[in-house]
Amino acid sequence: MGEVRDRLRIVEERIGRAAVRSGRKADDIELVVVTKTVETARIREVLEAGGGNIGENRVQEALAKYEEINSHPPAAGLPRWHMIGHLQRNKVGKALKIFDLIHSLDSLSLAGEINKEAGARGRSMDILVEVNVSGEESKFGLRTGEVKDFLINLSGLNNLRILGLMTMAPFTDDPEQARPYFRKLRQLSEELKSLRLSKVEMSYLSMGMSQDFEVAIEEGANMVRIGSAIFGPREKS
């Protein structure tokens, strides 16, 4: 049972060192613990060790875990839930029952559906816009040149709060190869922030996973999504 806690501590220490290298403190970086395919008992171990952010890729899987954890709240308190996978429009209603922050907004149709469902619930939904910095066809997200106009087109959706950007770098054995993609997202974030668009904040840069999170932090990430470095290799699903 202690293995997950030990791995979590090691990851937190690595985050802290990377933060210092980027001129910041460990507390400036939010760790989202990715729990796709991870059973609830192991998630509870992370929560009891101080992990406060849970990231899930699939709404249905997240809903089952959410209900189980909420029915027996951990002593350390309930986590914030992050939707980090691709969100289908027909799952938005269920997603808004669970998630505090959606990382993967990538279309106006999805934005409209989230806005409608959030309004029906009398809430404002916190959102990150997903950007496909690498241009890979296999990845979701807007191309960098599309983001400005996309954000302008969201101006009439009053139940959304755009808090920043998210990206996934290409998978590679060498984290240094991911650095240019993280740098490009940071530069885009700075450009968008300078425009002072209505209802748009650039508070978060969600980038970096188990294989490259230290480089992402060095390039400006303040939210990293880490699973296998904490739980070990993920089961196939």
C-alpha atoms as a PDB file:
ATOM      1  CA  MET A   1       0.000   0.000   0.000  1.00  0.00           C
ATOM      2  CA  GLY A   2       2.925   2.336   0.586  1.00  0.00           C
ATOM      3  CA  GLU A   3       4.265   2.071  -2.960  1.00  0.00           C
ATOM      4  CA  VAL A   4       1.784   4.571  -4.400  1.00  0.00           C
ATOM      5  CA  ARG A   5       2.504   7.074  -1.615  1.00  0.00           C
ATOM      6  CA  ASP A   6       6.242   6.696  -2.154  1.00  0.00           C
ATOM      7  CA  ARG A   7       5.901   7.291  -5.890  1.00  0.00           C
ATOM      8  CA  LEU A   8       3.672  10.292  -5.226  1.00  0.00           C
ATOM      9  CA  ARG A   9       6.301  11.817  -2.940  1.00  0.00           C
ATOM     10  CA  ILE A  10       9.031  11.262  -5.551  1.00  0.00           C
ATOM     11  CA  VAL A  11       6.891  12.951  -8.213  1.00  0.00           C
ATOM     12  CA  GLU A  12       6.186  15.876  -5.872  1.00  0.00           C
ATOM     13  CA  GLU A  13       9.915  16.267  -5.217  1.00  0.00           C
ATOM     14  CA  ARG A  14      10.648  16.255  -8.964  1.00  0.00           C
ATOM     15  CA  ILE A  15       7.934  18.862  -9.500  1.00  0.00           C
ATOM     16  CA  GLY A  16       9.501  21.018  -6.802  1.00  0.00           C
ATOM     17  CA  ARG A  17      12.962  20.852  -8.332  1.00  0.00           C
ATOM     18  CA  ALA A  18      11.623  21.662 -11.809  1.00  0.00           C
ATOM     19  CA  ALA A  19       9.668  24.589 -10.383  1.00  0.00           C
ATOM     20  CA  VAL A  20      12.826  26.011  -8.819  1.00  0.00           C
ATOM     21  CA  ARG A  21      14.642  25.684 -12.139  1.00  0.00           C
ATOM     22  CA  SER A  22      11.857  27.768 -13.717  1.00  0.00           C
ATOM     23  CA  GLY A  23      12.087  30.442 -11.020  1.00  0.00           C
ATOM     24  CA  ARG A  24       8.976  29.354  -9.129  1.00  0.00           C
ATOM     25  CA  LYS A  25       8.005  27.362  -6.042  1.00  0.00           C
ATOM     26  CA  ALA A  26       6.570  23.857  -5.822  1.00  0.00           C
ATOM     27  CA  ASP A  27       3.273  25.329  -4.631  1.00  0.00           C
ATOM     28  CA  ASP A  28       2.961  27.182  -7.938  1.00  0.00           C
ATOM     29  CA  ILE A  29       2.429  23.881  -9.759  1.00  0.00           C
ATOM     30  CA  GLU A  30      -0.801  21.883  -9.487  1.00  0.00           C
ATOM     31  CA  LEU A  31      -0.531  18.117  -9.792  1.00  0.00           C
ATOM     32  CA  VAL A  32      -3.492  16.345 -11.388  1.00  0.00           C
ATOM     33  CA  VAL A  33      -3.244  12.640 -10.593  1.00  0.00           C
ATOM     34  CA  VAL A  34      -4.455  10.682 -13.622  1.00  0.00           C
ATOM     35  CA  THR A  35      -6.555   7.717 -12.482  1.00  0.00           C
ATOM     36  CA  LYS A  36      -7.772   6.147 -15.736  1.00  0.00           C
ATOM     37  CA  THR A  37      -8.239   2.358 -15.083  1.00  0.00           C
ATOM     38  CA  VAL A  38      -7.039   2.789 -11.473  1.00  0.00           C
ATOM     39  CA  GLU A  39      -9.265   1.186  -8.842  1.00  0.00           C
ATOM     40  CA  THR A  40     -10.827   3.326  -6.141  1.00  0.00           C
ATOM     41  CA  ALA A  41      -8.763   1.853  -3.296  1.00  0.00           C
ATOM     42  CA  ARG A  42      -5.542   3.118  -4.878  1.00  0.00           C
ATOM     43  CA  ILE A  43      -7.104   6.496  -5.606  1.00  0.00           C
ATOM     44  CA  ARG A  44      -8.007   6.774  -1.922  1.00  0.00           C
ATOM     45  CA  GLU A  45      -4.383   6.149  -1.048  1.00  0.00           C
ATOM     46  CA  VAL A  46      -3.379   9.168  -3.125  1.00  0.00           C
ATOM     47  CA  LEU A  47      -6.106  11.299  -1.563  1.00  0.00           C
ATOM     48  CA  GLU A  48      -5.055  10.354   1.959  1.00  0.00           C
ATOM     49  CA  ALA A  49      -1.471  11.230   1.056  1.00  0.00           C
ATOM     50  CA  GLY A  50      -2.522  14.736   0.129  1.00  0.00           C
ATOM     51  CA  GLY A  51      -3.357  14.495  -3.575  1.00  0.00           C
ATOM     52  CA  GLY A  52      -6.237  16.873  -4.175  1.00  0.00           C
ATOM     53  CA  ASN A  53      -6.796  16.727  -7.954  1.00  0.00           C
ATOM     54  CA  ILE A  54      -8.079  13.663  -9.802  1.00  0.00           C
ATOM     55  CA  GLY A  55      -7.952  13.456 -13.610  1.00  0.00           C
ATOM     56  CA  GLU A  56     -10.196  11.114 -15.565  1.00  0.00           C
ATOM     57  CA  ASN A  57     -10.452  10.468 -19.309  1.00  0.00           C
ATOM     58  CA  ARG A  58     -13.890   8.875 -19.518  1.00  0.00           C
ATOM     59  CA  VAL A  59     -17.111  10.176 -18.082  1.00  0.00           C
ATOM     60  CA  GLN A  60     -18.720   6.828 -17.295  1.00  0.00           C
ATOM     61  CA  GLU A  61     -15.665   5.482 -15.484  1.00  0.00           C
ATOM     62  CA  ALA A  62     -15.301   8.740 -13.583  1.00  0.00           C
ATOM     63  CA  LEU A  63     -18.948   8.737 -12.514  1.00  0.00           C
ATOM     64  CA  ALA A  64     -18.642   5.337 -10.822  1.00  0.00           C
ATOM     65  CA  LYS A  65     -15.503   6.411  -8.950  1.00  0.00           C
ATOM     66  CA  TYR A  66     -16.992   9.782  -8.032  1.00  0.00           C
ATOM     67  CA  GLU A  67     -20.069   8.177  -6.477  1.00  0.00           C
ATOM     68  CA  GLU A  68     -18.009   5.627  -4.559  1.00  0.00           C
ATOM     69  CA  ILE A  69     -15.548   8.179  -3.194  1.00  0.00           C
ATOM     70  CA  ASN A  70     -18.261  10.683  -2.305  1.00  0.00           C
ATOM     71  CA  SER A  71     -20.262   8.027  -0.480  1.00  0.00           C
ATOM     72  CA  HIS A  72     -17.312   7.484   1.886  1.00  0.00           C
ATOM     73  CA  PRO A  73     -15.311  10.747   1.832  1.00  0.00           C
ATOM     74  CA  PRO A  74     -11.590  10.449   2.594  1.00  0.00           C
ATOM     75  CA  ALA A  75     -10.433  11.993   5.850  1.00  0.00           C
ATOM     76  CA  ALA A  76      -8.256  14.378   3.849  1.00  0.00           C
ATOM     77  CA  GLY A  77     -11.335  15.735   2.051  1.00  0.00           C
ATOM     78  CA  LEU A  78     -12.893  15.363  -1.376  1.00  0.00           C
ATOM     79  CA  PRO A  79     -10.772  16.010  -4.467  1.00  0.00           C
ATOM     80  CA  ARG A  80     -11.337  18.341  -7.395  1.00  0.00           C
ATOM     81  CA  TRP A  81     -12.239  16.352 -10.495  1.00  0.00           C
ATOM     82  CA  HIS A  82     -10.659  17.143 -13.860  1.00  0.00           C
ATOM     83  CA  MET A  83     -11.934  15.940 -17.236  1.00  0.00           C
ATOM     84  CA  ILE A  84      -8.732  15.496 -19.210  1.00  0.00           C
ATOM     85  CA  GLY A  85      -9.946  13.278 -22.060  1.00  0.00           C
ATOM     86  CA  HIS A  86     -11.960  14.060 -25.158  1.00  0.00           C
ATOM     87  CA  LEU A  87     -15.507  15.000 -24.176  1.00  0.00           C
ATOM     88  CA  GLN A  88     -18.411  13.979 -26.405  1.00  0.00           C
ATOM     89  CA  ARG A  89     -21.414  16.265 -26.579  1.00  0.00           C
ATOM     90  CA  ASN A  90     -23.806  13.516 -25.484  1.00  0.00           C
ATOM     91  CA  LYS A  91     -21.804  13.064 -22.263  1.00  0.00           C
ATOM     92  CA  VAL A  92     -21.788  16.723 -21.208  1.00  0.00           C
ATOM     93  CA  GLY A  93     -24.769  16.456 -18.851  1.00  0.00           C
ATOM     94  CA  LYS A  94     -23.143  13.646 -16.880  1.00  0.00           C
ATOM     95  CA  ALA A  95     -19.747  15.360 -16.992  1.00  0.00           C
ATOM     96  CA  LEU A  96     -21.117  18.462 -15.303  1.00  0.00           C
ATOM     97  CA  LYS A  97     -22.310  16.333 -12.384  1.00  0.00           C
ATOM     98  CA  ILE A  98     -18.728  15.347 -11.674  1.00  0.00           C
ATOM     99  CA  PHE A  99     -16.071  17.671 -12.959  1.00  0.00           C
ATOM    100  CA  ASP A 100     -14.768  20.952 -11.593  1.00  0.00           C
ATOM    101  CA  LEU A 101     -12.515  21.706 -14.579  1.00  0.00           C
ATOM    102  CA  ILE A 102     -12.743  20.489 -18.179  1.00  0.00           C
ATOM    103  CA  HIS A 103      -9.351  20.514 -19.931  1.00  0.00           C
ATOM    104  CA  SER A 104     -10.496  19.528 -23.409  1.00  0.00           C
ATOM    105  CA  LEU A 105     -12.747  22.118 -25.041  1.00  0.00           C
ATOM    106  CA  ASP A 106     -12.009  21.931 -28.763  1.00  0.00           C
ATOM    107  CA  SER A 107     -15.130  22.965 -30.719  1.00  0.00           C
ATOM    108  CA  LEU A 108     -17.878  25.571 -30.731  1.00  0.00           C
ATOM    109  CA  SER A 109     -20.543  22.860 -30.725  1.00  0.00           C
ATOM    110  CA  LEU A 110     -19.110  21.365 -27.546  1.00  0.00           C
ATOM    111  CA  ALA A 111     -18.820  24.836 -26.007  1.00  0.00           C
ATOM    112  CA  GLY A 112     -22.476  25.499 -26.759  1.00  0.00           C
ATOM    113  CA  GLU A 113     -23.557  22.231 -25.160  1.00  0.00           C
ATOM    114  CA  ILE A 114     -21.502  22.851 -22.023  1.00  0.00           C
ATOM    115  CA  ASN A 115     -22.878  26.379 -21.808  1.00  0.00           C
ATOM    116  CA  LYS A 116     -26.466  25.112 -22.115  1.00  0.00           C
ATOM    117  CA  GLU A 117     -26.048  22.368 -19.497  1.00  0.00           C
ATOM    118  CA  ALA A 118     -24.190  24.675 -17.113  1.00  0.00           C
ATOM    119  CA  GLY A 119     -26.968  27.243 -17.419  1.00  0.00           C
ATOM    120  CA  ALA A 120     -29.592  24.622 -16.650  1.00  0.00           C
ATOM    121  CA  ARG A 121     -27.712  23.850 -13.453  1.00  0.00           C
ATOM    122  CA  GLY A 122     -27.224  27.483 -12.508  1.00  0.00           C
ATOM    123  CA  ARG A 123     -23.456  27.216 -12.561  1.00  0.00           C
ATOM    124  CA  SER A 124     -20.453  28.556 -14.418  1.00  0.00           C
ATOM    125  CA  MET A 125     -18.150  25.864 -15.802  1.00  0.00           C
ATOM    126  CA  ASP A 126     -14.376  26.254 -15.656  1.00  0.00           C
ATOM    127  CA  ILE A 127     -12.738  25.339 -18.957  1.00  0.00           C
ATOM    128  CA  LEU A 128      -9.358  24.951 -20.603  1.00  0.00           C
ATOM    129  CA  VAL A 129      -9.083  25.054 -24.389  1.00  0.00           C
ATOM    130  CA  GLU A 130      -7.240  22.091 -25.882  1.00  0.00           C
ATOM    131  CA  VAL A 131      -4.599  23.035 -28.436  1.00  0.00           C
ATOM    132  CA  ASN A 132      -3.003  20.587 -30.855  1.00  0.00           C
ATOM    133  CA  VAL A 133       0.377  22.296 -30.920  1.00  0.00           C
ATOM    134  CA  SER A 134       2.108  19.462 -32.774  1.00  0.00           C
ATOM    135  CA  GLY A 135      -0.506  19.292 -35.545  1.00  0.00           C
ATOM    136  CA  GLU A 136      -0.704  15.502 -35.254  1.00  0.00           C
ATOM    137  CA  GLU A 137      -3.822  14.106 -36.917  1.00  0.00           C
ATOM    138  CA  SER A 138      -4.229  11.567 -34.123  1.00  0.00           C
ATOM    139  CA  LYS A 139      -4.721  14.271 -31.495  1.00  0.00           C
ATOM    140  CA  PHE A 140      -7.749  16.361 -30.637  1.00  0.00           C
ATOM    141  CA  GLY A 141      -7.554  20.109 -30.175  1.00  0.00           C
ATOM    142  CA  LEU A 142      -7.470  23.350 -32.104  1.00  0.00           C
ATOM    143  CA  ARG A 143      -4.491  24.351 -34.197  1.00  0.00           C
ATOM    144  CA  THR A 144      -2.574  27.257 -32.714  1.00  0.00           C
ATOM    145  CA  GLY A 145      -3.711  29.650 -35.429  1.00  0.00           C
ATOM    146  CA  GLU A 146      -7.371  28.916 -34.673  1.00  0.00           C
ATOM    147  CA  VAL A 147      -7.393  29.692 -30.975  1.00  0.00           C
ATOM    148  CA  LYS A 148      -7.778  33.479 -31.032  1.00  0.00           C
ATOM    149  CA  ASP A 149     -10.889  33.467 -33.248  1.00  0.00           C
ATOM    150  CA  PHE A 150     -12.273  30.515 -31.299  1.00  0.00           C
ATOM    151  CA  LEU A 151     -12.032  32.440 -28.034  1.00  0.00           C
ATOM    152  CA  ILE A 152     -13.655  35.500 -29.596  1.00  0.00           C
ATOM    153  CA  ASN A 153     -16.552  33.301 -30.743  1.00  0.00           C
ATOM    154  CA  LEU A 154     -17.103  32.114 -27.172  1.00  0.00           C
ATOM    155  CA  SER A 155     -17.832  35.635 -25.940  1.00  0.00           C
ATOM    156  CA  GLY A 156     -21.596  35.144 -25.869  1.00  0.00           C
ATOM    157  CA  LEU A 157     -21.483  31.958 -23.810  1.00  0.00           C
ATOM    158  CA  ASN A 158     -22.008  33.352 -20.332  1.00  0.00           C
ATOM    159  CA  ASN A 159     -21.824  30.058 -18.430  1.00  0.00           C
ATOM    160  CA  LEU A 160     -18.225  29.293 -19.402  1.00  0.00           C
ATOM    161  CA  ARG A 161     -15.062  30.554 -17.699  1.00  0.00           C
ATOM    162  CA  ILE A 162     -12.036  30.085 -19.925  1.00  0.00           C
ATOM    163  CA  LEU A 163      -9.088  29.718 -17.568  1.00  0.00           C
ATOM    164  CA  GLY A 164      -6.269  28.684 -19.876  1.00  0.00           C
ATOM    165  CA  LEU A 165      -4.894  26.165 -22.347  1.00  0.00           C
ATOM    166  CA  MET A 166      -4.032  22.475 -22.448  1.00  0.00           C
ATOM    167  CA  THR A 167      -1.877  20.436 -24.797  1.00  0.00           C
ATOM    168  CA  MET A 168      -0.286  17.023 -25.240  1.00  0.00           C
ATOM    169  CA  ALA A 169       3.191  16.890 -26.744  1.00  0.00           C
ATOM    170  CA  PRO A 170       4.119  14.028 -29.086  1.00  0.00           C
ATOM    171  CA  PHE A 171       5.096  10.862 -27.226  1.00  0.00           C
ATOM    172  CA  THR A 172       8.854  10.438 -27.223  1.00  0.00           C
ATOM    173  CA  ASP A 173      11.539   8.721 -25.166  1.00  0.00           C
ATOM    174  CA  ASP A 174      13.476  11.998 -25.024  1.00  0.00           C
ATOM    175  CA  PRO A 175      11.626  14.685 -23.015  1.00  0.00           C
ATOM    176  CA  GLU A 176      13.786  17.372 -24.621  1.00  0.00           C
ATOM    177  CA  GLN A 177      12.024  16.723 -27.923  1.00  0.00           C
ATOM    178  CA  ALA A 178       8.785  17.887 -26.290  1.00  0.00           C
ATOM    179  CA  ARG A 179      10.251  21.207 -25.167  1.00  0.00           C
ATOM    180  CA  PRO A 180       9.470  23.210 -28.363  1.00  0.00           C
ATOM    181  CA  TYR A 181       5.784  22.250 -28.162  1.00  0.00           C
ATOM    182  CA  PHE A 182       5.472  23.348 -24.544  1.00  0.00           C
ATOM    183  CA  ARG A 183       7.298  26.575 -25.325  1.00  0.00           C
ATOM    184  CA  LYS A 184       4.928  27.260 -28.222  1.00  0.00           C
ATOM    185  CA  LEU A 185       1.878  26.851 -25.991  1.00  0.00           C
ATOM    186  CA  ARG A 186       3.346  29.205 -23.387  1.00  0.00           C
ATOM    187  CA  GLN A 187       4.020  31.789 -26.077  1.00  0.00           C
ATOM    188  CA  LEU A 188       0.450  31.429 -27.358  1.00  0.00           C
ATOM    189  CA  SER A 189      -0.872  31.879 -23.832  1.00  0.00           C
ATOM    190  CA  GLU A 190       1.147  35.086 -23.437  1.00  0.00           C
ATOM    191  CA  GLU A 191      -0.139  36.425 -26.763  1.00  0.00           C
ATOM    192  CA  LEU A 192      -3.754  35.692 -25.827  1.00  0.00           C
ATOM    193  CA  LYS A 193      -3.360  37.220 -22.405  1.00  0.00           C
ATOM    194  CA  SER A 194      -2.125  40.449 -23.965  1.00  0.00           C
ATOM    195  CA  LEU A 195      -5.350  40.699 -26.001  1.00  0.00           C
ATOM    196  CA  ARG A 196      -7.459  41.028 -22.825  1.00  0.00           C
ATOM    197  CA  LEU A 197     -10.369  39.126 -24.349  1.00  0.00           C
ATOM    198  CA  SER A 198     -13.679  39.253 -22.499  1.00  0.00           C
ATOM    199  CA  LYS A 199     -14.270  36.326 -20.092  1.00  0.00           C
ATOM    200  CA  VAL A 200     -10.907  34.777 -20.927  1.00  0.00           C
ATOM    201  CA  GLU A 201      -8.121  34.266 -18.414  1.00  0.00           C
ATOM    202  CA  MET A 202      -4.801  32.622 -19.086  1.00  0.00           C
ATOM    203  CA  SER A 203      -4.338  31.384 -15.538  1.00  0.00           C
ATOM    204  CA  TYR A 204      -3.444  27.787 -16.362  1.00  0.00           C
ATOM    205  CA  LEU A 205      -1.107  25.979 -18.700  1.00  0.00           C
ATOM    206  CA  SER A 206      -1.981  22.297 -18.424  1.00  0.00           C
ATOM    207  CA  MET A 207       0.869  20.465 -20.104  1.00  0.00           C
ATOM    208  CA  GLY A 208       3.261  17.694 -19.207  1.00  0.00           C
ATOM    209  CA  MET A 209       2.684  14.050 -18.291  1.00  0.00           C
ATOM    210  CA  SER A 210       4.731  11.300 -16.681  1.00  0.00           C
ATOM    211  CA  GLN A 211       7.356  11.192 -19.416  1.00  0.00           C
ATOM    212  CA  ASP A 212       7.907  14.933 -19.844  1.00  0.00           C
ATOM    213  CA  PHE A 213       6.420  16.937 -16.962  1.00  0.00           C
ATOM    214  CA  GLU A 214       9.726  18.380 -15.769  1.00  0.00           C
ATOM    215  CA  VAL A 215      10.453  19.915 -19.172  1.00  0.00           C
ATOM    216  CA  ALA A 216       6.854  21.199 -19.300  1.00  0.00           C
ATOM    217  CA  ILE A 217       7.300  22.946 -15.941  1.00  0.00           C
ATOM    218  CA  GLU A 218      10.584  24.471 -17.087  1.00  0.00           C
ATOM    219  CA  GLU A 219       8.670  25.891 -20.067  1.00  0.00           C
ATOM    220  CA  GLY A 220       5.879  27.387 -17.958  1.00  0.00           C
ATOM    221  CA  ALA A 221       3.368  24.655 -17.094  1.00  0.00           C
ATOM    222  CA  ASN A 222       1.559  25.245 -13.814  1.00  0.00           C
ATOM    223  CA  MET A 223      -0.655  22.173 -14.073  1.00  0.00           C
ATOM    224  CA  VAL A 224       0.719  18.707 -14.892  1.00  0.00           C
ATOM    225  CA  ARG A 225      -1.194  15.464 -15.465  1.00  0.00           C
ATOM    226  CA  ILE A 226       0.630  12.426 -14.075  1.00  0.00           C
ATOM    227  CA  GLY A 227      -0.530   8.825 -13.830  1.00  0.00           C
ATOM    228  CA  SER A 228       1.965   6.070 -14.586  1.00  0.00           C
ATOM    229  CA  ALA A 229       4.796   7.706 -12.609  1.00  0.00           C
ATOM    230  CA  ILE A 230       2.545   7.340  -9.549  1.00  0.00           C
ATOM    231  CA  PHE A 231       0.598   4.136 -10.213  1.00  0.00           C
ATOM    232  CA  GLY A 232       3.001   2.269 -12.477  1.00  0.00           C
ATOM    233  CA  PRO A 233       2.277   1.175 -16.068  1.00  0.00           C
ATOM    234  CA  ARG A 234      -1.414   1.477 -16.901  1.00  0.00           C
ATOM    235  CA  GLU A 235      -3.455  -1.610 -17.650  1.00  0.00           C
ATOM    236  CA  LYS A 236      -4.630  -1.901 -21.233  1.00  0.00           C
ATOM    237  CA  SER A 237      -8.266  -0.893 -21.702  1.00  0.00           C
END
